[in-house]
Amino acid sequence: MLILVWFVVCIIFYFVQLLLGNSGHALEVFAVLSALAIFLISRIKYKIK
C-alpha cells in the first residue's frame, strides 16, 4: 500500500512541476493534490475490505 501511495505522490509531483514549474503556488497545489489522493486511496482501501 505504501508503494502505491509513493507512486501516486511522485506522479502528482511530476505533473505539478511540469504544469507550474517554479511558480510560487506549485507547492500548495502539490500538497492539496497529494492529500486528496491519499484520502481517496484510503477510502478505496477501506471500502474493499
C-alpha atoms as a PDB file:
ATOM      1  CA  MET A   1       0.000   0.000   0.000  1.00  0.00           C
ATOM      2  CA  LEU A   2       2.820   2.375   0.841  1.00  0.00           C
ATOM      3  CA  ILE A   3       4.395   1.798  -2.570  1.00  0.00           C
ATOM      4  CA  LEU A   4       1.102   2.734  -4.256  1.00  0.00           C
ATOM      5  CA  VAL A   5       0.951   5.980  -2.280  1.00  0.00           C
ATOM      6  CA  TRP A   6       4.595   6.701  -3.152  1.00  0.00           C
ATOM      7  CA  PHE A   7       3.960   6.197  -6.888  1.00  0.00           C
ATOM      8  CA  VAL A   8       0.862   8.398  -6.822  1.00  0.00           C
ATOM      9  CA  VAL A   9       2.694  11.185  -4.987  1.00  0.00           C
ATOM     10  CA  CYS A  10       5.615  11.004  -7.449  1.00  0.00           C
ATOM     11  CA  ILE A  11       3.266  11.202 -10.426  1.00  0.00           C
ATOM     12  CA  ILE A  12       1.410  14.149  -8.927  1.00  0.00           C
ATOM     13  CA  PHE A  13       4.718  15.898  -8.205  1.00  0.00           C
ATOM     14  CA  TYR A  14       5.854  15.377 -11.801  1.00  0.00           C
ATOM     15  CA  PHE A  15       2.667  16.835 -13.299  1.00  0.00           C
ATOM     16  CA  VAL A  16       2.610  19.813 -10.913  1.00  0.00           C
ATOM     17  CA  GLN A  17       6.240  20.622 -11.742  1.00  0.00           C
ATOM     18  CA  LEU A  18       5.512  20.167 -15.460  1.00  0.00           C
ATOM     19  CA  LEU A  19       2.498  22.478 -15.418  1.00  0.00           C
ATOM     20  CA  LEU A  20       3.522  25.122 -12.868  1.00  0.00           C
ATOM     21  CA  GLY A  21       7.316  24.921 -12.894  1.00  0.00           C
ATOM     22  CA  ASN A  22       8.867  27.343 -10.422  1.00  0.00           C
ATOM     23  CA  SER A  23       5.610  29.102  -9.677  1.00  0.00           C
ATOM     24  CA  GLY A  24       5.053  30.118  -6.085  1.00  0.00           C
ATOM     25  CA  HIS A  25       1.858  28.086  -5.965  1.00  0.00           C
ATOM     26  CA  ALA A  26       3.349  24.774  -7.101  1.00  0.00           C
ATOM     27  CA  LEU A  27       3.974  23.576  -3.553  1.00  0.00           C
ATOM     28  CA  GLU A  28       0.434  24.410  -2.416  1.00  0.00           C
ATOM     29  CA  VAL A  29      -1.109  22.641  -5.406  1.00  0.00           C
ATOM     30  CA  PHE A  30       1.134  19.635  -4.808  1.00  0.00           C
ATOM     31  CA  ALA A  31       0.141  19.473  -1.130  1.00  0.00           C
ATOM     32  CA  VAL A  32      -3.585  19.683  -1.864  1.00  0.00           C
ATOM     33  CA  LEU A  33      -3.490  17.105  -4.661  1.00  0.00           C
ATOM     34  CA  SER A  34      -1.355  14.725  -2.583  1.00  0.00           C
ATOM     35  CA  ALA A  35      -3.688  14.977   0.382  1.00  0.00           C
ATOM     36  CA  LEU A  36      -6.693  14.369  -1.847  1.00  0.00           C
ATOM     37  CA  ALA A  37      -5.055  11.353  -3.500  1.00  0.00           C
ATOM     38  CA  ILE A  38      -4.033   9.798  -0.174  1.00  0.00           C
ATOM     39  CA  PHE A  39      -7.556  10.360   1.155  1.00  0.00           C
ATOM     40  CA  LEU A  40      -9.098   8.662  -1.890  1.00  0.00           C
ATOM     41  CA  ILE A  41      -6.665   5.735  -1.687  1.00  0.00           C
ATOM     42  CA  SER A  42      -7.538   5.211   1.975  1.00  0.00           C
ATOM     43  CA  ARG A  43     -11.271   5.389   1.225  1.00  0.00           C
ATOM     44  CA  ILE A  44     -10.916   2.795  -1.545  1.00  0.00           C
ATOM     45  CA  LYS A  45      -8.767   0.591   0.704  1.00  0.00           C
ATOM     46  CA  TYR A  46     -11.353   0.502   3.496  1.00  0.00           C
ATOM     47  CA  LYS A  47     -14.274   0.132   1.083  1.00  0.00           C
ATOM     48  CA  ILE A  48     -12.733  -3.009  -0.444  1.00  0.00           C
ATOM     49  CA  LYS A  49     -12.402  -4.681   2.974  1.00  0.00           C
END
